[in-house]
Amino acid sequence: MAQGRDLAIVTLVACDEPVAMPVGGRLVVDAQGEACGSLAEPALDAAMRAEALAVIAGGEPRLLDFELPSGHACVYVERLG
């Protein structure tokens, strides 16, 4: 990711055992929707890109709960910079 871009970071803060990514896993998303990293769940990664874009656009940080086929996940999305 290039320097000077608006970014949001998504952090997995809690999850059920079956979720593949350990707590603390991160996904970084820029204002163009490009991502670096993964939360190891394709459905969660896609949803988090949309949430990250909303936070970059001026929204407040968010604490979100998701039900996934592999279990429950709780993520925190915040803007960097």
PDB file of N, CA and C in Angstrom:
ATOM      1  N   MET A   1       0.844  -1.174   0.000  1.00  0.00           N
ATOM      2  CA  MET A   1       0.000   0.000   0.000  1.00  0.00           C
ATOM      3  C   MET A   1       0.889   1.237   0.000  1.00  0.00           C
ATOM      4  N   ALA A   2       0.541   2.188  -0.829  1.00  0.00           N
ATOM      5  CA  ALA A   2       1.342   3.397  -0.972  1.00  0.00           C
ATOM      6  C   ALA A   2       1.199   4.312   0.242  1.00  0.00           C
ATOM      7  N   GLN A   3       2.236   5.070   0.503  1.00  0.00           N
ATOM      8  CA  GLN A   3       2.194   6.023   1.606  1.00  0.00           C
ATOM      9  C   GLN A   3       1.234   7.151   1.278  1.00  0.00           C
ATOM     10  N   GLY A   4       0.672   7.763   2.295  1.00  0.00           N
ATOM     11  CA  GLY A   4      -0.218   8.887   2.118  1.00  0.00           C
ATOM     12  C   GLY A   4      -1.666   8.527   1.848  1.00  0.00           C
ATOM     13  N   ARG A   5      -2.012   7.257   1.842  1.00  0.00           N
ATOM     14  CA  ARG A   5      -3.390   6.840   1.604  1.00  0.00           C
ATOM     15  C   ARG A   5      -4.171   6.834   2.907  1.00  0.00           C
ATOM     16  N   ASP A   6      -5.482   7.080   2.792  1.00  0.00           N
ATOM     17  CA  ASP A   6      -6.372   6.913   3.931  1.00  0.00           C
ATOM     18  C   ASP A   6      -6.567   5.419   4.151  1.00  0.00           C
ATOM     19  N   LEU A   7      -6.465   4.988   5.400  1.00  0.00           N
ATOM     20  CA  LEU A   7      -6.548   3.569   5.716  1.00  0.00           C
ATOM     21  C   LEU A   7      -7.487   3.319   6.881  1.00  0.00           C
ATOM     22  N   ALA A   8      -8.014   2.115   6.912  1.00  0.00           N
ATOM     23  CA  ALA A   8      -8.730   1.623   8.087  1.00  0.00           C
ATOM     24  C   ALA A   8      -8.138   0.269   8.434  1.00  0.00           C
ATOM     25  N   ILE A   9      -8.121  -0.021   9.722  1.00  0.00           N
ATOM     26  CA  ILE A   9      -7.634  -1.323  10.173  1.00  0.00           C
ATOM     27  C   ILE A   9      -8.786  -2.051  10.855  1.00  0.00           C
ATOM     28  N   VAL A  10      -8.918  -3.316  10.501  1.00  0.00           N
ATOM     29  CA  VAL A  10      -9.949  -4.187  11.055  1.00  0.00           C
ATOM     30  C   VAL A  10      -9.238  -5.210  11.928  1.00  0.00           C
ATOM     31  N   THR A  11      -9.636  -5.311  13.180  1.00  0.00           N
ATOM     32  CA  THR A  11      -8.998  -6.248  14.115  1.00  0.00           C
ATOM     33  C   THR A  11     -10.037  -7.230  14.643  1.00  0.00           C
ATOM     34  N   LEU A  12      -9.730  -8.507  14.558  1.00  0.00           N
ATOM     35  CA  LEU A  12     -10.587  -9.535  15.136  1.00  0.00           C
ATOM     36  C   LEU A  12     -10.373  -9.519  16.648  1.00  0.00           C
ATOM     37  N   VAL A  13     -11.438  -9.181  17.406  1.00  0.00           N
ATOM     38  CA  VAL A  13     -11.285  -9.047  18.856  1.00  0.00           C
ATOM     39  C   VAL A  13     -11.865 -10.218  19.646  1.00  0.00           C
ATOM     40  N   ALA A  14     -12.726 -11.009  19.006  1.00  0.00           N
ATOM     41  CA  ALA A  14     -13.270 -12.206  19.660  1.00  0.00           C
ATOM     42  C   ALA A  14     -13.851 -13.116  18.593  1.00  0.00           C
ATOM     43  N   CYS A  15     -13.816 -14.423  18.859  1.00  0.00           N
ATOM     44  CA  CYS A  15     -14.413 -15.362  17.907  1.00  0.00           C
ATOM     45  C   CYS A  15     -14.617 -16.712  18.562  1.00  0.00           C
ATOM     46  N   ASP A  16     -15.500 -17.497  17.927  1.00  0.00           N
ATOM     47  CA  ASP A  16     -15.688 -18.886  18.333  1.00  0.00           C
ATOM     48  C   ASP A  16     -14.495 -19.688  17.834  1.00  0.00           C
ATOM     49  N   GLU A  17     -14.234 -20.803  18.424  1.00  0.00           N
ATOM     50  CA  GLU A  17     -13.099 -21.653  18.056  1.00  0.00           C
ATOM     51  C   GLU A  17     -13.000 -22.013  16.577  1.00  0.00           C
ATOM     52  N   PRO A  18     -14.113 -22.315  15.890  1.00  0.00           N
ATOM     53  CA  PRO A  18     -13.953 -22.748  14.500  1.00  0.00           C
ATOM     54  C   PRO A  18     -13.425 -21.671  13.542  1.00  0.00           C
ATOM     55  N   VAL A  19     -13.535 -20.387  13.890  1.00  0.00           N
ATOM     56  CA  VAL A  19     -13.051 -19.334  12.994  1.00  0.00           C
ATOM     57  C   VAL A  19     -11.547 -19.497  12.837  1.00  0.00           C
ATOM     58  N   ALA A  20     -11.073 -19.476  11.586  1.00  0.00           N
ATOM     59  CA  ALA A  20      -9.683 -19.822  11.275  1.00  0.00           C
ATOM     60  C   ALA A  20      -8.653 -18.807  11.785  1.00  0.00           C
ATOM     61  N   MET A  21      -8.983 -17.522  11.793  1.00  0.00           N
ATOM     62  CA  MET A  21      -8.023 -16.489  12.195  1.00  0.00           C
ATOM     63  C   MET A  21      -8.009 -16.344  13.713  1.00  0.00           C
ATOM     64  N   PRO A  22      -6.831 -16.280  14.319  1.00  0.00           N
ATOM     65  CA  PRO A  22      -6.771 -16.088  15.768  1.00  0.00           C
ATOM     66  C   PRO A  22      -7.161 -14.656  16.148  1.00  0.00           C
ATOM     67  N   VAL A  23      -7.645 -14.488  17.369  1.00  0.00           N
ATOM     68  CA  VAL A  23      -7.938 -13.155  17.894  1.00  0.00           C
ATOM     69  C   VAL A  23      -6.685 -12.300  17.739  1.00  0.00           C
ATOM     70  N   GLY A  24      -6.879 -11.061  17.301  1.00  0.00           N
ATOM     71  CA  GLY A  24      -5.754 -10.161  17.036  1.00  0.00           C
ATOM     72  C   GLY A  24      -5.411 -10.083  15.561  1.00  0.00           C
ATOM     73  N   GLY A  25      -5.988 -10.964  14.745  1.00  0.00           N
ATOM     74  CA  GLY A  25      -5.747 -10.925  13.308  1.00  0.00           C
ATOM     75  C   GLY A  25      -6.235  -9.606  12.727  1.00  0.00           C
ATOM     76  N   ARG A  26      -5.558  -9.130  11.673  1.00  0.00           N
ATOM     77  CA  ARG A  26      -5.889  -7.814  11.127  1.00  0.00           C
ATOM     78  C   ARG A  26      -6.012  -7.825   9.613  1.00  0.00           C
ATOM     79  N   LEU A  27      -6.801  -6.876   9.146  1.00  0.00           N
ATOM     80  CA  LEU A  27      -6.988  -6.592   7.732  1.00  0.00           C
ATOM     81  C   LEU A  27      -6.890  -5.080   7.585  1.00  0.00           C
ATOM     82  N   VAL A  28      -6.057  -4.602   6.673  1.00  0.00           N
ATOM     83  CA  VAL A  28      -5.913  -3.168   6.419  1.00  0.00           C
ATOM     84  C   VAL A  28      -6.524  -2.885   5.056  1.00  0.00           C
ATOM     85  N   VAL A  29      -7.362  -1.843   4.991  1.00  0.00           N
ATOM     86  CA  VAL A  29      -8.070  -1.484   3.761  1.00  0.00           C
ATOM     87  C   VAL A  29      -7.822  -0.011   3.469  1.00  0.00           C
ATOM     88  N   ASP A  30      -7.550   0.315   2.182  1.00  0.00           N
ATOM     89  CA  ASP A  30      -7.383   1.721   1.811  1.00  0.00           C
ATOM     90  C   ASP A  30      -8.681   2.262   1.207  1.00  0.00           C
ATOM     91  N   ALA A  31      -8.704   3.566   0.917  1.00  0.00           N
ATOM     92  CA  ALA A  31      -9.915   4.234   0.438  1.00  0.00           C
ATOM     93  C   ALA A  31     -10.380   3.724  -0.926  1.00  0.00           C
ATOM     94  N   GLN A  32      -9.521   3.036  -1.663  1.00  0.00           N
ATOM     95  CA  GLN A  32      -9.908   2.449  -2.944  1.00  0.00           C
ATOM     96  C   GLN A  32     -10.425   1.016  -2.786  1.00  0.00           C
ATOM     97  N   GLY A  33     -10.438   0.512  -1.565  1.00  0.00           N
ATOM     98  CA  GLY A  33     -10.922  -0.834  -1.303  1.00  0.00           C
ATOM     99  C   GLY A  33      -9.860  -1.913  -1.413  1.00  0.00           C
ATOM    100  N   GLU A  34      -8.608  -1.520  -1.672  1.00  0.00           N
ATOM    101  CA  GLU A  34      -7.524  -2.500  -1.709  1.00  0.00           C
ATOM    102  C   GLU A  34      -7.226  -2.948  -0.279  1.00  0.00           C
ATOM    103  N   ALA A  35      -6.960  -4.232  -0.117  1.00  0.00           N
ATOM    104  CA  ALA A  35      -6.740  -4.777   1.218  1.00  0.00           C
ATOM    105  C   ALA A  35      -5.400  -5.482   1.313  1.00  0.00           C
ATOM    106  N   CYS A  36      -4.871  -5.470   2.504  1.00  0.00           N
ATOM    107  CA  CYS A  36      -3.645  -6.187   2.830  1.00  0.00           C
ATOM    108  C   CYS A  36      -3.951  -7.021   4.065  1.00  0.00           C
ATOM    109  N   GLY A  37      -3.719  -8.311   3.971  1.00  0.00           N
ATOM    110  CA  GLY A  37      -4.027  -9.205   5.073  1.00  0.00           C
ATOM    111  C   GLY A  37      -5.359  -9.894   4.833  1.00  0.00           C
ATOM    112  N   SER A  38      -5.767 -10.680   5.806  1.00  0.00           N
ATOM    113  CA  SER A  38      -7.015 -11.414   5.710  1.00  0.00           C
ATOM    114  C   SER A  38      -7.436 -11.858   7.094  1.00  0.00           C
ATOM    115  N   LEU A  39      -8.738 -11.973   7.291  1.00  0.00           N
ATOM    116  CA  LEU A  39      -9.265 -12.516   8.539  1.00  0.00           C
ATOM    117  C   LEU A  39      -9.580 -14.001   8.378  1.00  0.00           C
ATOM    118  N   ALA A  40      -9.132 -14.590   7.265  1.00  0.00           N
ATOM    119  CA  ALA A  40      -9.210 -16.023   6.976  1.00  0.00           C
ATOM    120  C   ALA A  40     -10.626 -16.526   6.749  1.00  0.00           C
ATOM    121  N   GLU A  41     -11.563 -15.634   6.568  1.00  0.00           N
ATOM    122  CA  GLU A  41     -12.945 -15.986   6.244  1.00  0.00           C
ATOM    123  C   GLU A  41     -13.356 -15.087   5.082  1.00  0.00           C
ATOM    124  N   PRO A  42     -13.490 -15.612   3.859  1.00  0.00           N
ATOM    125  CA  PRO A  42     -13.817 -14.766   2.699  1.00  0.00           C
ATOM    126  C   PRO A  42     -15.045 -13.878   2.904  1.00  0.00           C
ATOM    127  N   ALA A  43     -16.099 -14.402   3.510  1.00  0.00           N
ATOM    128  CA  ALA A  43     -17.307 -13.605   3.736  1.00  0.00           C
ATOM    129  C   ALA A  43     -17.025 -12.451   4.693  1.00  0.00           C
ATOM    130  N   LEU A  44     -16.232 -12.705   5.705  1.00  0.00           N
ATOM    131  CA  LEU A  44     -15.892 -11.661   6.672  1.00  0.00           C
ATOM    132  C   LEU A  44     -14.987 -10.615   6.028  1.00  0.00           C
ATOM    133  N   ASP A  45     -14.005 -11.046   5.248  1.00  0.00           N
ATOM    134  CA  ASP A  45     -13.123 -10.095   4.548  1.00  0.00           C
ATOM    135  C   ASP A  45     -13.942  -9.152   3.669  1.00  0.00           C
ATOM    136  N   ALA A  46     -14.886  -9.685   2.901  1.00  0.00           N
ATOM    137  CA  ALA A  46     -15.697  -8.861   2.005  1.00  0.00           C
ATOM    138  C   ALA A  46     -16.549  -7.863   2.796  1.00  0.00           C
ATOM    139  N   ALA A  47     -17.179  -8.320   3.850  1.00  0.00           N
ATOM    140  CA  ALA A  47     -18.004  -7.429   4.668  1.00  0.00           C
ATOM    141  C   ALA A  47     -17.154  -6.348   5.329  1.00  0.00           C
ATOM    142  N   MET A  48     -15.951  -6.715   5.743  1.00  0.00           N
ATOM    143  CA  MET A  48     -15.086  -5.759   6.431  1.00  0.00           C
ATOM    144  C   MET A  48     -14.525  -4.702   5.485  1.00  0.00           C
ATOM    145  N   ARG A  49     -14.348  -5.054   4.220  1.00  0.00           N
ATOM    146  CA  ARG A  49     -13.933  -4.026   3.247  1.00  0.00           C
ATOM    147  C   ARG A  49     -14.981  -2.925   3.187  1.00  0.00           C
ATOM    148  N   ALA A  50     -16.241  -3.304   3.109  1.00  0.00           N
ATOM    149  CA  ALA A  50     -17.325  -2.313   3.052  1.00  0.00           C
ATOM    150  C   ALA A  50     -17.375  -1.482   4.327  1.00  0.00           C
ATOM    151  N   GLU A  51     -17.240  -2.119   5.474  1.00  0.00           N
ATOM    152  CA  GLU A  51     -17.249  -1.390   6.749  1.00  0.00           C
ATOM    153  C   GLU A  51     -16.049  -0.454   6.853  1.00  0.00           C
ATOM    154  N   ALA A  52     -14.899  -0.917   6.415  1.00  0.00           N
ATOM    155  CA  ALA A  52     -13.687  -0.090   6.459  1.00  0.00           C
ATOM    156  C   ALA A  52     -13.841   1.136   5.575  1.00  0.00           C
ATOM    157  N   LEU A  53     -14.423   0.978   4.387  1.00  0.00           N
ATOM    158  CA  LEU A  53     -14.644   2.119   3.502  1.00  0.00           C
ATOM    159  C   LEU A  53     -15.566   3.146   4.144  1.00  0.00           C
ATOM    160  N   ALA A  54     -16.582   2.693   4.856  1.00  0.00           N
ATOM    161  CA  ALA A  54     -17.495   3.609   5.546  1.00  0.00           C
ATOM    162  C   ALA A  54     -16.767   4.369   6.652  1.00  0.00           C
ATOM    163  N   VAL A  55     -15.902   3.694   7.373  1.00  0.00           N
ATOM    164  CA  VAL A  55     -15.138   4.351   8.437  1.00  0.00           C
ATOM    165  C   VAL A  55     -14.154   5.355   7.840  1.00  0.00           C
ATOM    166  N   ILE A  56     -13.492   5.000   6.752  1.00  0.00           N
ATOM    167  CA  ILE A  56     -12.563   5.925   6.088  1.00  0.00           C
ATOM    168  C   ILE A  56     -13.315   7.175   5.629  1.00  0.00           C
ATOM    169  N   ALA A  57     -14.532   7.005   5.140  1.00  0.00           N
ATOM    170  CA  ALA A  57     -15.319   8.116   4.613  1.00  0.00           C
ATOM    171  C   ALA A  57     -15.810   9.075   5.694  1.00  0.00           C
ATOM    172  N   GLY A  58     -15.479   8.802   6.930  1.00  0.00           N
ATOM    173  CA  GLY A  58     -15.821   9.752   7.979  1.00  0.00           C
ATOM    174  C   GLY A  58     -16.631   9.190   9.119  1.00  0.00           C
ATOM    175  N   GLY A  59     -16.888   7.902   9.063  1.00  0.00           N
ATOM    176  CA  GLY A  59     -17.648   7.294  10.140  1.00  0.00           C
ATOM    177  C   GLY A  59     -16.806   7.101  11.393  1.00  0.00           C
ATOM    178  N   GLU A  60     -17.479   6.904  12.474  1.00  0.00           N
ATOM    179  CA  GLU A  60     -16.824   6.618  13.744  1.00  0.00           C
ATOM    180  C   GLU A  60     -16.320   5.171  13.748  1.00  0.00           C
ATOM    181  N   PRO A  61     -15.370   4.859  14.616  1.00  0.00           N
ATOM    182  CA  PRO A  61     -14.946   3.454  14.762  1.00  0.00           C
ATOM    183  C   PRO A  61     -16.163   2.585  15.080  1.00  0.00           C
ATOM    184  N   ARG A  62     -16.081   1.327  14.701  1.00  0.00           N
ATOM    185  CA  ARG A  62     -17.219   0.413  14.884  1.00  0.00           C
ATOM    186  C   ARG A  62     -16.779  -0.896  15.524  1.00  0.00           C
ATOM    187  N   LEU A  63     -17.607  -1.389  16.416  1.00  0.00           N
ATOM    188  CA  LEU A  63     -17.455  -2.720  16.987  1.00  0.00           C
ATOM    189  C   LEU A  63     -18.619  -3.536  16.448  1.00  0.00           C
ATOM    190  N   LEU A  64     -18.328  -4.574  15.677  1.00  0.00           N
ATOM    191  CA  LEU A  64     -19.357  -5.306  14.935  1.00  0.00           C
ATOM    192  C   LEU A  64     -19.334  -6.800  15.243  1.00  0.00           C
ATOM    193  N   ASP A  65     -20.506  -7.403  15.264  1.00  0.00           N
ATOM    194  CA  ASP A  65     -20.646  -8.844  15.456  1.00  0.00           C
ATOM    195  C   ASP A  65     -21.115  -9.476  14.157  1.00  0.00           C
ATOM    196  N   PHE A  66     -20.540 -10.631  13.825  1.00  0.00           N
ATOM    197  CA  PHE A  66     -20.909 -11.361  12.614  1.00  0.00           C
ATOM    198  C   PHE A  66     -21.103 -12.823  12.928  1.00  0.00           C
ATOM    199  N   GLU A  67     -22.175 -13.380  12.353  1.00  0.00           N
ATOM    200  CA  GLU A  67     -22.392 -14.821  12.399  1.00  0.00           C
ATOM    201  C   GLU A  67     -21.910 -15.383  11.067  1.00  0.00           C
ATOM    202  N   LEU A  68     -20.993 -16.297  11.116  1.00  0.00           N
ATOM    203  CA  LEU A  68     -20.413 -16.910   9.929  1.00  0.00           C
ATOM    204  C   LEU A  68     -20.730 -18.397   9.917  1.00  0.00           C
ATOM    205  N   PRO A  69     -20.606 -19.035   8.766  1.00  0.00           N
ATOM    206  CA  PRO A  69     -20.824 -20.486   8.720  1.00  0.00           C
ATOM    207  C   PRO A  69     -19.922 -21.240   9.698  1.00  0.00           C
ATOM    208  N   SER A  70     -18.730 -20.689   9.949  1.00  0.00           N
ATOM    209  CA  SER A  70     -17.787 -21.370  10.836  1.00  0.00           C
ATOM    210  C   SER A  70     -17.866 -20.893  12.286  1.00  0.00           C
ATOM    211  N   GLY A  71     -18.755 -19.961  12.606  1.00  0.00           N
ATOM    212  CA  GLY A  71     -18.887 -19.485  13.981  1.00  0.00           C
ATOM    213  C   GLY A  71     -19.097 -17.987  14.062  1.00  0.00           C
ATOM    214  N   HIS A  72     -18.993 -17.455  15.260  1.00  0.00           N
ATOM    215  CA  HIS A  72     -19.227 -16.046  15.548  1.00  0.00           C
ATOM    216  C   HIS A  72     -17.902 -15.286  15.562  1.00  0.00           C
ATOM    217  N   ALA A  73     -17.918 -14.049  15.054  1.00  0.00           N
ATOM    218  CA  ALA A  73     -16.727 -13.204  15.086  1.00  0.00           C
ATOM    219  C   ALA A  73     -17.126 -11.792  15.494  1.00  0.00           C
ATOM    220  N   CYS A  74     -16.282 -11.147  16.279  1.00  0.00           N
ATOM    221  CA  CYS A  74     -16.460  -9.759  16.684  1.00  0.00           C
ATOM    222  C   CYS A  74     -15.237  -8.994  16.205  1.00  0.00           C
ATOM    223  N   VAL A  75     -15.460  -7.884  15.489  1.00  0.00           N
ATOM    224  CA  VAL A  75     -14.351  -7.120  14.914  1.00  0.00           C
ATOM    225  C   VAL A  75     -14.474  -5.643  15.289  1.00  0.00           C
ATOM    226  N   TYR A  76     -13.324  -4.982  15.355  1.00  0.00           N
ATOM    227  CA  TYR A  76     -13.265  -3.541  15.612  1.00  0.00           C
ATOM    228  C   TYR A  76     -12.654  -2.904  14.379  1.00  0.00           C
ATOM    229  N   VAL A  77     -13.335  -1.878  13.851  1.00  0.00           N
ATOM    230  CA  VAL A  77     -12.874  -1.181  12.642  1.00  0.00           C
ATOM    231  C   VAL A  77     -12.575   0.264  13.014  1.00  0.00           C
ATOM    232  N   GLU A  78     -11.353   0.709  12.711  1.00  0.00           N
ATOM    233  CA  GLU A  78     -10.979   2.084  13.027  1.00  0.00           C
ATOM    234  C   GLU A  78     -10.144   2.698  11.897  1.00  0.00           C
ATOM    235  N   ARG A  79     -10.236   3.992  11.776  1.00  0.00           N
ATOM    236  CA  ARG A  79      -9.474   4.716  10.760  1.00  0.00           C
ATOM    237  C   ARG A  79      -8.075   4.979  11.291  1.00  0.00           C
ATOM    238  N   LEU A  80      -7.103   4.898  10.394  1.00  0.00           N
ATOM    239  CA  LEU A  80      -5.720   5.229  10.748  1.00  0.00           C
ATOM    240  C   LEU A  80      -5.370   6.576  10.127  1.00  0.00           C
ATOM    241  N   GLY A  81      -4.707   7.398  10.904  1.00  0.00           N
ATOM    242  CA  GLY A  81      -4.247   8.675  10.371  1.00  0.00           C
ATOM    243  C   GLY A  81      -5.201   9.791  10.500  1.00  0.00           C
TER     244      GLY A  81
END
